[in-house]
């Protein structure tokens, strides 16, 4: 199975963010603090070169997974309840009127 690897610039362009933001996301993912739409997420990427100091590559499937996590889906609107009329002076527990002798 062959996997298309994208450069960090191409991956960022597909995600609609800048490469600098992608690098920030990767560092947050490495620290375990990265969240997309309230879901904690880990980004899987490749870093080549000596001692892992080379260029970053991401699988196309990983970019598609991040895009699906970023997608917003509209919530279903709940039916609105009709307002209920409140009693006037609802904190008074007796019936108003003149006191009797």
PDB file of N, CA and C in Angstrom:
ATOM      1  N   UNK A   1       0.847  -1.182   0.000  1.00  0.00           N
ATOM      2  CA  UNK A   1       0.000   0.000   0.000  1.00  0.00           C
ATOM      3  C   UNK A   1       0.887   1.237   0.000  1.00  0.00           C
ATOM      4  N   UNK A   2       0.722   2.095  -0.973  1.00  0.00           N
ATOM      5  CA  UNK A   2       1.513   3.319  -1.034  1.00  0.00           C
ATOM      6  C   UNK A   2       0.711   4.475  -0.451  1.00  0.00           C
ATOM      7  N   UNK A   3       1.418   5.325   0.251  1.00  0.00           N
ATOM      8  CA  UNK A   3       0.790   6.483   0.871  1.00  0.00           C
ATOM      9  C   UNK A   3       1.429   7.736   0.301  1.00  0.00           C
ATOM     10  N   UNK A   4       0.596   8.670  -0.126  1.00  0.00           N
ATOM     11  CA  UNK A   4       1.121   9.933  -0.608  1.00  0.00           C
ATOM     12  C   UNK A   4       1.528  10.781   0.578  1.00  0.00           C
ATOM     13  N   UNK A   5       2.788  11.216   0.586  1.00  0.00           N
ATOM     14  CA  UNK A   5       3.268  12.093   1.648  1.00  0.00           C
ATOM     15  C   UNK A   5       3.271  13.526   1.134  1.00  0.00           C
ATOM     16  N   UNK A   6       2.735  14.416   1.936  1.00  0.00           N
ATOM     17  CA  UNK A   6       2.672  15.833   1.577  1.00  0.00           C
ATOM     18  C   UNK A   6       3.686  16.601   2.390  1.00  0.00           C
ATOM     19  N   UNK A   7       4.264  17.624   1.793  1.00  0.00           N
ATOM     20  CA  UNK A   7       5.157  18.494   2.551  1.00  0.00           C
ATOM     21  C   UNK A   7       4.324  19.313   3.533  1.00  0.00           C
ATOM     22  N   UNK A   8       4.981  19.919   4.488  1.00  0.00           N
ATOM     23  CA  UNK A   8       4.249  20.718   5.479  1.00  0.00           C
ATOM     24  C   UNK A   8       3.522  21.882   4.815  1.00  0.00           C
ATOM     25  N   UNK A   9       4.115  22.442   3.788  1.00  0.00           N
ATOM     26  CA  UNK A   9       3.473  23.556   3.077  1.00  0.00           C
ATOM     27  C   UNK A   9       2.212  23.096   2.348  1.00  0.00           C
ATOM     28  N   UNK A  10       2.293  21.930   1.684  1.00  0.00           N
ATOM     29  CA  UNK A  10       1.124  21.400   0.981  1.00  0.00           C
ATOM     30  C   UNK A  10       0.031  20.967   1.952  1.00  0.00           C
ATOM     31  N   UNK A  11       0.437  20.334   3.072  1.00  0.00           N
ATOM     32  CA  UNK A  11      -0.541  19.911   4.072  1.00  0.00           C
ATOM     33  C   UNK A  11      -1.249  21.113   4.674  1.00  0.00           C
ATOM     34  N   UNK A  12      -0.501  22.167   4.969  1.00  0.00           N
ATOM     35  CA  UNK A  12      -1.107  23.379   5.537  1.00  0.00           C
ATOM     36  C   UNK A  12      -2.067  24.016   4.537  1.00  0.00           C
ATOM     37  N   UNK A  13      -1.691  24.021   3.267  1.00  0.00           N
ATOM     38  CA  UNK A  13      -2.570  24.596   2.246  1.00  0.00           C
ATOM     39  C   UNK A  13      -3.868  23.791   2.143  1.00  0.00           C
ATOM     40  N   UNK A  14      -3.776  22.460   2.214  1.00  0.00           N
ATOM     41  CA  UNK A  14      -4.989  21.628   2.155  1.00  0.00           C
ATOM     42  C   UNK A  14      -5.874  21.847   3.373  1.00  0.00           C
ATOM     43  N   UNK A  15      -5.251  22.124   4.534  1.00  0.00           N
ATOM     44  CA  UNK A  15      -6.016  22.371   5.756  1.00  0.00           C
ATOM     45  C   UNK A  15      -6.541  23.803   5.838  1.00  0.00           C
ATOM     46  N   UNK A  16      -6.025  24.682   4.979  1.00  0.00           N
ATOM     47  CA  UNK A  16      -6.477  26.076   4.979  1.00  0.00           C
ATOM     48  C   UNK A  16      -5.829  26.899   6.068  1.00  0.00           C
ATOM     49  N   UNK A  17      -4.621  26.518   6.482  1.00  0.00           N
ATOM     50  CA  UNK A  17      -3.893  27.253   7.516  1.00  0.00           C
ATOM     51  C   UNK A  17      -2.498  27.557   7.004  1.00  0.00           C
ATOM     52  N   UNK A  18      -1.770  28.379   7.737  1.00  0.00           N
ATOM     53  CA  UNK A  18      -0.400  28.693   7.346  1.00  0.00           C
ATOM     54  C   UNK A  18       0.531  27.590   7.853  1.00  0.00           C
ATOM     55  N   UNK A  19       1.707  27.432   7.216  1.00  0.00           N
ATOM     56  CA  UNK A  19       2.666  26.431   7.707  1.00  0.00           C
ATOM     57  C   UNK A  19       3.086  26.690   9.157  1.00  0.00           C
ATOM     58  N   UNK A  20       3.176  27.944   9.545  1.00  0.00           N
ATOM     59  CA  UNK A  20       3.534  28.273  10.929  1.00  0.00           C
ATOM     60  C   UNK A  20       2.479  27.751  11.908  1.00  0.00           C
ATOM     61  N   UNK A  21       1.202  27.881  11.543  1.00  0.00           N
ATOM     62  CA  UNK A  21       0.126  27.349  12.383  1.00  0.00           C
ATOM     63  C   UNK A  21       0.204  25.829  12.444  1.00  0.00           C
ATOM     64  N   UNK A  22       0.542  25.183  11.330  1.00  0.00           N
ATOM     65  CA  UNK A  22       0.690  23.730  11.321  1.00  0.00           C
ATOM     66  C   UNK A  22       1.796  23.301  12.277  1.00  0.00           C
ATOM     67  N   UNK A  23       2.922  24.006  12.260  1.00  0.00           N
ATOM     68  CA  UNK A  23       4.011  23.683  13.177  1.00  0.00           C
ATOM     69  C   UNK A  23       3.575  23.867  14.632  1.00  0.00           C
ATOM     70  N   UNK A  24       2.776  24.886  14.892  1.00  0.00           N
ATOM     71  CA  UNK A  24       2.253  25.098  16.239  1.00  0.00           C
ATOM     72  C   UNK A  24       1.342  23.943  16.642  1.00  0.00           C
ATOM     73  N   UNK A  25       0.490  23.501  15.731  1.00  0.00           N
ATOM     74  CA  UNK A  25      -0.398  22.372  15.994  1.00  0.00           C
ATOM     75  C   UNK A  25       0.415  21.114  16.292  1.00  0.00           C
ATOM     76  N   UNK A  26       1.502  20.891  15.533  1.00  0.00           N
ATOM     77  CA  UNK A  26       2.331  19.705  15.749  1.00  0.00           C
ATOM     78  C   UNK A  26       2.989  19.735  17.121  1.00  0.00           C
ATOM     79  N   UNK A  27       3.457  20.901  17.545  1.00  0.00           N
ATOM     80  CA  UNK A  27       4.078  20.987  18.876  1.00  0.00           C
ATOM     81  C   UNK A  27       3.031  20.782  19.975  1.00  0.00           C
ATOM     82  N   UNK A  28       1.817  21.306  19.784  1.00  0.00           N
ATOM     83  CA  UNK A  28       0.748  21.066  20.756  1.00  0.00           C
ATOM     84  C   UNK A  28       0.369  19.588  20.782  1.00  0.00           C
ATOM     85  N   UNK A  29       0.364  18.941  19.621  1.00  0.00           N
ATOM     86  CA  UNK A  29       0.039  17.515  19.540  1.00  0.00           C
ATOM     87  C   UNK A  29       1.095  16.694  20.264  1.00  0.00           C
ATOM     88  N   UNK A  30       2.369  17.060  20.099  1.00  0.00           N
ATOM     89  CA  UNK A  30       3.447  16.348  20.781  1.00  0.00           C
ATOM     90  C   UNK A  30       3.338  16.506  22.295  1.00  0.00           C
ATOM     91  N   UNK A  31       2.860  17.668  22.757  1.00  0.00           N
ATOM     92  CA  UNK A  31       2.708  17.921  24.185  1.00  0.00           C
ATOM     93  C   UNK A  31       1.424  17.312  24.743  1.00  0.00           C
ATOM     94  N   UNK A  32       0.515  16.853  23.866  1.00  0.00           N
ATOM     95  CA  UNK A  32      -0.740  16.243  24.311  1.00  0.00           C
ATOM     96  C   UNK A  32      -1.809  17.248  24.668  1.00  0.00           C
ATOM     97  N   UNK A  33      -1.694  18.479  24.143  1.00  0.00           N
ATOM     98  CA  UNK A  33      -2.677  19.514  24.472  1.00  0.00           C
ATOM     99  C   UNK A  33      -3.440  20.023  23.255  1.00  0.00           C
ATOM    100  N   UNK A  34      -3.375  19.316  22.134  1.00  0.00           N
ATOM    101  CA  UNK A  34      -4.017  19.798  20.910  1.00  0.00           C
ATOM    102  C   UNK A  34      -5.462  19.328  20.847  1.00  0.00           C
ATOM    103  N   UNK A  35      -6.368  20.266  20.583  1.00  0.00           N
ATOM    104  CA  UNK A  35      -7.794  19.953  20.488  1.00  0.00           C
ATOM    105  C   UNK A  35      -8.377  20.575  19.226  1.00  0.00           C
ATOM    106  N   UNK A  36      -9.257  19.820  18.573  1.00  0.00           N
ATOM    107  CA  UNK A  36     -10.017  20.329  17.433  1.00  0.00           C
ATOM    108  C   UNK A  36     -11.486  20.167  17.785  1.00  0.00           C
ATOM    109  N   UNK A  37     -12.205  21.281  17.831  1.00  0.00           N
ATOM    110  CA  UNK A  37     -13.632  21.297  18.120  1.00  0.00           C
ATOM    111  C   UNK A  37     -13.963  20.544  19.411  1.00  0.00           C
ATOM    112  N   UNK A  38     -13.091  20.720  20.418  1.00  0.00           N
ATOM    113  CA  UNK A  38     -13.328  20.133  21.734  1.00  0.00           C
ATOM    114  C   UNK A  38     -12.909  18.684  21.875  1.00  0.00           C
ATOM    115  N   UNK A  39     -12.281  18.109  20.859  1.00  0.00           N
ATOM    116  CA  UNK A  39     -11.839  16.712  20.911  1.00  0.00           C
ATOM    117  C   UNK A  39     -10.311  16.694  20.930  1.00  0.00           C
ATOM    118  N   UNK A  40      -9.730  16.045  21.958  1.00  0.00           N
ATOM    119  CA  UNK A  40      -8.279  15.938  22.028  1.00  0.00           C
ATOM    120  C   UNK A  40      -7.797  15.054  20.891  1.00  0.00           C
ATOM    121  N   UNK A  41      -6.808  15.534  20.161  1.00  0.00           N
ATOM    122  CA  UNK A  41      -6.367  14.879  18.938  1.00  0.00           C
ATOM    123  C   UNK A  41      -4.854  14.798  18.898  1.00  0.00           C
ATOM    124  N   UNK A  42      -4.339  13.742  18.318  1.00  0.00           N
ATOM    125  CA  UNK A  42      -2.910  13.598  18.068  1.00  0.00           C
ATOM    126  C   UNK A  42      -2.695  13.600  16.561  1.00  0.00           C
ATOM    127  N   UNK A  43      -1.704  14.346  16.117  1.00  0.00           N
ATOM    128  CA  UNK A  43      -1.388  14.407  14.685  1.00  0.00           C
ATOM    129  C   UNK A  43      -0.193  13.493  14.428  1.00  0.00           C
ATOM    130  N   UNK A  44      -0.348  12.591  13.470  1.00  0.00           N
ATOM    131  CA  UNK A  44       0.727  11.670  13.107  1.00  0.00           C
ATOM    132  C   UNK A  44       1.454  12.251  11.895  1.00  0.00           C
ATOM    133  N   UNK A  45       2.773  12.384  12.026  1.00  0.00           N
ATOM    134  CA  UNK A  45       3.569  12.951  10.940  1.00  0.00           C
ATOM    135  C   UNK A  45       4.942  12.297  10.929  1.00  0.00           C
ATOM    136  N   UNK A  46       5.667  12.521   9.856  1.00  0.00           N
ATOM    137  CA  UNK A  46       7.009  11.978   9.693  1.00  0.00           C
ATOM    138  C   UNK A  46       7.991  13.139   9.695  1.00  0.00           C
ATOM    139  N   UNK A  47       9.142  12.909  10.333  1.00  0.00           N
ATOM    140  CA  UNK A  47      10.181  13.924  10.340  1.00  0.00           C
ATOM    141  C   UNK A  47      11.481  13.227  10.002  1.00  0.00           C
ATOM    142  N   UNK A  48      12.028  13.550   8.838  1.00  0.00           N
ATOM    143  CA  UNK A  48      13.237  12.879   8.370  1.00  0.00           C
ATOM    144  C   UNK A  48      14.500  13.625   8.768  1.00  0.00           C
ATOM    145  N   UNK A  49      15.593  13.091   8.313  1.00  0.00           N
ATOM    146  CA  UNK A  49      16.879  13.719   8.585  1.00  0.00           C
ATOM    147  C   UNK A  49      17.556  13.137   9.814  1.00  0.00           C
ATOM    148  N   UNK A  50      18.740  13.630  10.089  1.00  0.00           N
ATOM    149  CA  UNK A  50      19.515  13.150  11.230  1.00  0.00           C
ATOM    150  C   UNK A  50      18.862  13.583  12.531  1.00  0.00           C
ATOM    151  N   UNK A  51      18.688  12.640  13.407  1.00  0.00           N
ATOM    152  CA  UNK A  51      18.140  12.904  14.736  1.00  0.00           C
ATOM    153  C   UNK A  51      16.779  13.597  14.688  1.00  0.00           C
ATOM    154  N   UNK A  52      16.034  13.375  13.625  1.00  0.00           N
ATOM    155  CA  UNK A  52      14.697  13.950  13.530  1.00  0.00           C
ATOM    156  C   UNK A  52      14.671  15.451  13.333  1.00  0.00           C
ATOM    157  N   UNK A  53      15.713  15.998  12.733  1.00  0.00           N
ATOM    158  CA  UNK A  53      15.778  17.442  12.531  1.00  0.00           C
ATOM    159  C   UNK A  53      15.488  17.846  11.086  1.00  0.00           C
ATOM    160  N   UNK A  54      14.910  16.949  10.320  1.00  0.00           N
ATOM    161  CA  UNK A  54      14.683  17.223   8.905  1.00  0.00           C
ATOM    162  C   UNK A  54      13.309  17.789   8.614  1.00  0.00           C
ATOM    163  N   UNK A  55      12.918  17.648   7.377  1.00  0.00           N
ATOM    164  CA  UNK A  55      11.638  18.194   6.936  1.00  0.00           C
ATOM    165  C   UNK A  55      10.474  17.332   7.389  1.00  0.00           C
ATOM    166  N   UNK A  56       9.332  17.986   7.597  1.00  0.00           N
ATOM    167  CA  UNK A  56       8.135  17.307   8.065  1.00  0.00           C
ATOM    168  C   UNK A  56       7.290  16.894   6.867  1.00  0.00           C
ATOM    169  N   UNK A  57       6.804  15.661   6.915  1.00  0.00           N
ATOM    170  CA  UNK A  57       5.903  15.135   5.895  1.00  0.00           C
ATOM    171  C   UNK A  57       4.699  14.552   6.608  1.00  0.00           C
ATOM    172  N   UNK A  58       3.531  14.686   5.958  1.00  0.00           N
ATOM    173  CA  UNK A  58       2.298  14.121   6.506  1.00  0.00           C
ATOM    174  C   UNK A  58       1.619  13.284   5.437  1.00  0.00           C
ATOM    175  N   UNK A  59       1.027  12.196   5.876  1.00  0.00           N
ATOM    176  CA  UNK A  59       0.280  11.342   4.947  1.00  0.00           C
ATOM    177  C   UNK A  59      -0.997  12.074   4.529  1.00  0.00           C
ATOM    178  N   UNK A  60      -1.389  11.857   3.304  1.00  0.00           N
ATOM    179  CA  UNK A  60      -2.597  12.493   2.784  1.00  0.00           C
ATOM    180  C   UNK A  60      -3.824  12.051   3.573  1.00  0.00           C
ATOM    181  N   UNK A  61      -3.827  10.795   4.028  1.00  0.00           N
ATOM    182  CA  UNK A  61      -4.950  10.294   4.824  1.00  0.00           C
ATOM    183  C   UNK A  61      -5.034  11.016   6.173  1.00  0.00           C
ATOM    184  N   UNK A  62      -3.888  11.406   6.734  1.00  0.00           N
ATOM    185  CA  UNK A  62      -3.889  12.144   8.004  1.00  0.00           C
ATOM    186  C   UNK A  62      -4.459  13.555   7.811  1.00  0.00           C
ATOM    187  N   UNK A  63      -4.133  14.174   6.694  1.00  0.00           N
ATOM    188  CA  UNK A  63      -4.682  15.494   6.392  1.00  0.00           C
ATOM    189  C   UNK A  63      -6.196  15.398   6.214  1.00  0.00           C
ATOM    190  N   UNK A  64      -6.653  14.355   5.522  1.00  0.00           N
ATOM    191  CA  UNK A  64      -8.099  14.163   5.349  1.00  0.00           C
ATOM    192  C   UNK A  64      -8.788  13.909   6.683  1.00  0.00           C
ATOM    193  N   UNK A  65      -8.129  13.178   7.589  1.00  0.00           N
ATOM    194  CA  UNK A  65      -8.701  12.932   8.917  1.00  0.00           C
ATOM    195  C   UNK A  65      -8.838  14.240   9.693  1.00  0.00           C
ATOM    196  N   UNK A  66      -7.824  15.092   9.624  1.00  0.00           N
ATOM    197  CA  UNK A  66      -7.894  16.389  10.311  1.00  0.00           C
ATOM    198  C   UNK A  66      -8.988  17.266   9.716  1.00  0.00           C
ATOM    199  N   UNK A  67      -9.128  17.213   8.393  1.00  0.00           N
ATOM    200  CA  UNK A  67     -10.195  17.989   7.749  1.00  0.00           C
ATOM    201  C   UNK A  67     -11.570  17.521   8.212  1.00  0.00           C
ATOM    202  N   UNK A  68     -11.740  16.206   8.359  1.00  0.00           N
ATOM    203  CA  UNK A  68     -13.035  15.701   8.812  1.00  0.00           C
ATOM    204  C   UNK A  68     -13.301  16.109  10.260  1.00  0.00           C
ATOM    205  N   UNK A  69     -12.248  16.191  11.085  1.00  0.00           N
ATOM    206  CA  UNK A  69     -12.427  16.654  12.470  1.00  0.00           C
ATOM    207  C   UNK A  69     -12.781  18.134  12.525  1.00  0.00           C
ATOM    208  N   UNK A  70     -12.286  18.901  11.559  1.00  0.00           N
ATOM    209  CA  UNK A  70     -12.530  20.343  11.533  1.00  0.00           C
ATOM    210  C   UNK A  70     -13.906  20.689  10.970  1.00  0.00           C
ATOM    211  N   UNK A  71     -14.535  19.750  10.295  1.00  0.00           N
ATOM    212  CA  UNK A  71     -15.815  20.032   9.638  1.00  0.00           C
ATOM    213  C   UNK A  71     -16.897  20.315  10.678  1.00  0.00           C
ATOM    214  N   UNK A  72     -17.647  21.352  10.420  1.00  0.00           N
ATOM    215  CA  UNK A  72     -18.753  21.716  11.309  1.00  0.00           C
ATOM    216  C   UNK A  72     -20.042  21.117  10.760  1.00  0.00           C
ATOM    217  N   UNK A  73     -20.823  20.563  11.651  1.00  0.00           N
ATOM    218  CA  UNK A  73     -22.121  20.055  11.233  1.00  0.00           C
ATOM    219  C   UNK A  73     -23.190  20.818  11.996  1.00  0.00           C
ATOM    220  N   UNK A  74     -24.197  21.304  11.297  1.00  0.00           N
ATOM    221  CA  UNK A  74     -25.220  22.098  11.970  1.00  0.00           C
ATOM    222  C   UNK A  74     -26.005  21.250  12.964  1.00  0.00           C
ATOM    223  N   UNK A  75     -26.309  21.853  14.077  1.00  0.00           N
ATOM    224  CA  UNK A  75     -27.100  21.162  15.092  1.00  0.00           C
ATOM    225  C   UNK A  75     -28.576  21.257  14.744  1.00  0.00           C
ATOM    226  N   UNK A  76     -29.304  20.242  15.155  1.00  0.00           N
ATOM    227  CA  UNK A  76     -30.737  20.253  14.923  1.00  0.00           C
ATOM    228  C   UNK A  76     -31.378  21.221  15.908  1.00  0.00           C
ATOM    229  N   UNK A  77     -32.222  22.067  15.395  1.00  0.00           N
ATOM    230  CA  UNK A  77     -32.893  23.033  16.258  1.00  0.00           C
ATOM    231  C   UNK A  77     -33.972  22.347  17.068  1.00  0.00           C
ATOM    232  N   UNK A  78     -33.987  22.645  18.346  1.00  0.00           N
ATOM    233  CA  UNK A  78     -35.014  22.096  19.207  1.00  0.00           C
ATOM    234  C   UNK A  78     -36.280  22.922  19.071  1.00  0.00           C
ATOM    235  N   UNK A  79     -37.441  22.277  19.141  1.00  0.00           N
ATOM    236  CA  UNK A  79     -38.681  23.055  19.046  1.00  0.00           C
ATOM    237  C   UNK A  79     -38.791  23.999  20.239  1.00  0.00           C
ATOM    238  N   UNK A  80     -39.202  25.197  19.952  1.00  0.00           N
ATOM    239  CA  UNK A  80     -39.294  26.225  20.978  1.00  0.00           C
ATOM    240  C   UNK A  80     -40.599  26.062  21.755  1.00  0.00           C
ATOM    241  N   UNK A  81     -40.475  26.160  23.063  1.00  0.00           N
ATOM    242  CA  UNK A  81     -41.666  26.066  23.900  1.00  0.00           C
ATOM    243  C   UNK A  81     -42.328  27.432  23.960  1.00  0.00           C
ATOM    244  N   UNK A  82     -43.649  27.423  24.005  1.00  0.00           N
ATOM    245  CA  UNK A  82     -44.348  28.697  24.100  1.00  0.00           C
ATOM    246  C   UNK A  82     -44.179  29.240  25.520  1.00  0.00           C
ATOM    247  N   UNK A  83     -44.036  30.545  25.646  1.00  0.00           N
ATOM    248  CA  UNK A  83     -43.838  31.120  26.972  1.00  0.00           C
ATOM    249  C   UNK A  83     -45.082  30.940  27.832  1.00  0.00           C
ATOM    250  N   UNK A  84     -44.853  30.639  29.082  1.00  0.00           N
ATOM    251  CA  UNK A  84     -45.960  30.484  30.017  1.00  0.00           C
ATOM    252  C   UNK A  84     -46.121  31.788  30.779  1.00  0.00           C
ATOM    253  N   UNK A  85     -47.377  32.178  30.962  1.00  0.00           N
ATOM    254  CA  UNK A  85     -47.614  33.430  31.674  1.00  0.00           C
ATOM    255  C   UNK A  85     -47.315  33.229  33.156  1.00  0.00           C
ATOM    256  N   UNK A  86     -46.646  34.211  33.724  1.00  0.00           N
ATOM    257  CA  UNK A  86     -46.313  34.151  35.136  1.00  0.00           C
ATOM    258  C   UNK A  86     -47.389  34.877  35.925  1.00  0.00           C
ATOM    259  N   UNK A  87     -47.627  34.362  37.085  1.00  0.00           N
ATOM    260  CA  UNK A  87     -48.589  35.033  37.953  1.00  0.00           C
ATOM    261  C   UNK A  87     -48.015  36.366  38.398  1.00  0.00           C
ATOM    262  N   UNK A  88     -48.855  37.357  38.440  1.00  0.00           N
ATOM    263  CA  UNK A  88     -48.437  38.659  38.934  1.00  0.00           C
ATOM    264  C   UNK A  88     -48.214  38.552  40.434  1.00  0.00           C
ATOM    265  N   UNK A  89     -47.153  39.099  40.914  1.00  0.00           N
ATOM    266  CA  UNK A  89     -46.781  39.071  42.326  1.00  0.00           C
ATOM    267  C   UNK A  89     -46.694  37.630  42.832  1.00  0.00           C
ATOM    268  N   UNK A  90     -45.915  36.814  42.128  1.00  0.00           N
ATOM    269  CA  UNK A  90     -45.856  35.399  42.459  1.00  0.00           C
ATOM    270  C   UNK A  90     -45.151  35.109  43.778  1.00  0.00           C
ATOM    271  N   UNK A  91     -44.454  36.091  44.355  1.00  0.00           N
ATOM    272  CA  UNK A  91     -43.806  35.857  45.637  1.00  0.00           C
ATOM    273  C   UNK A  91     -44.776  36.024  46.822  1.00  0.00           C
ATOM    274  N   UNK A  92     -45.975  36.551  46.560  1.00  0.00           N
ATOM    275  CA  UNK A  92     -46.991  36.685  47.603  1.00  0.00           C
ATOM    276  C   UNK A  92     -47.812  35.405  47.643  1.00  0.00           C
ATOM    277  N   UNK A  93     -47.934  34.821  48.839  1.00  0.00           N
ATOM    278  CA  UNK A  93     -48.601  33.521  48.934  1.00  0.00           C
ATOM    279  C   UNK A  93     -50.041  33.607  49.423  1.00  0.00           C
ATOM    280  N   UNK A  94     -50.520  34.797  49.809  1.00  0.00           N
ATOM    281  CA  UNK A  94     -51.908  34.939  50.241  1.00  0.00           C
ATOM    282  C   UNK A  94     -52.675  35.700  49.188  1.00  0.00           C
ATOM    283  N   UNK A  95     -53.973  35.632  49.249  1.00  0.00           N
ATOM    284  CA  UNK A  95     -54.762  36.367  48.281  1.00  0.00           C
ATOM    285  C   UNK A  95     -54.850  37.822  48.735  1.00  0.00           C
ATOM    286  N   UNK A  96     -54.611  38.753  47.863  1.00  0.00           N
ATOM    287  CA  UNK A  96     -54.657  40.165  48.228  1.00  0.00           C
ATOM    288  C   UNK A  96     -56.092  40.608  48.547  1.00  0.00           C
ATOM    289  N   UNK A  97     -56.195  41.581  49.389  1.00  0.00           N
ATOM    290  CA  UNK A  97     -57.496  42.121  49.765  1.00  0.00           C
ATOM    291  C   UNK A  97     -57.406  42.843  51.112  1.00  0.00           C
ATOM    292  N   UNK A  98     -58.543  43.374  51.568  1.00  0.00           N
ATOM    293  CA  UNK A  98     -58.546  44.063  52.861  1.00  0.00           C
ATOM    294  C   UNK A  98     -58.572  43.050  53.997  1.00  0.00           C
ATOM    295  N   UNK A  99     -57.787  43.309  55.023  1.00  0.00           N
ATOM    296  CA  UNK A  99     -57.818  42.386  56.162  1.00  0.00           C
ATOM    297  C   UNK A  99     -59.153  42.484  56.885  1.00  0.00           C
ATOM    298  N   UNK A 100     -59.609  41.414  57.366  1.00  0.00           N
ATOM    299  CA  UNK A 100     -60.867  41.362  58.118  1.00  0.00           C
ATOM    300  C   UNK A 100     -60.560  41.534  59.604  1.00  0.00           C
ATOM    301  N   UNK A 101     -61.534  42.069  60.347  1.00  0.00           N
ATOM    302  CA  UNK A 101     -61.335  42.324  61.778  1.00  0.00           C
ATOM    303  C   UNK A 101     -61.173  41.067  62.537  1.00  0.00           C
TER     304      UNK A 101
END
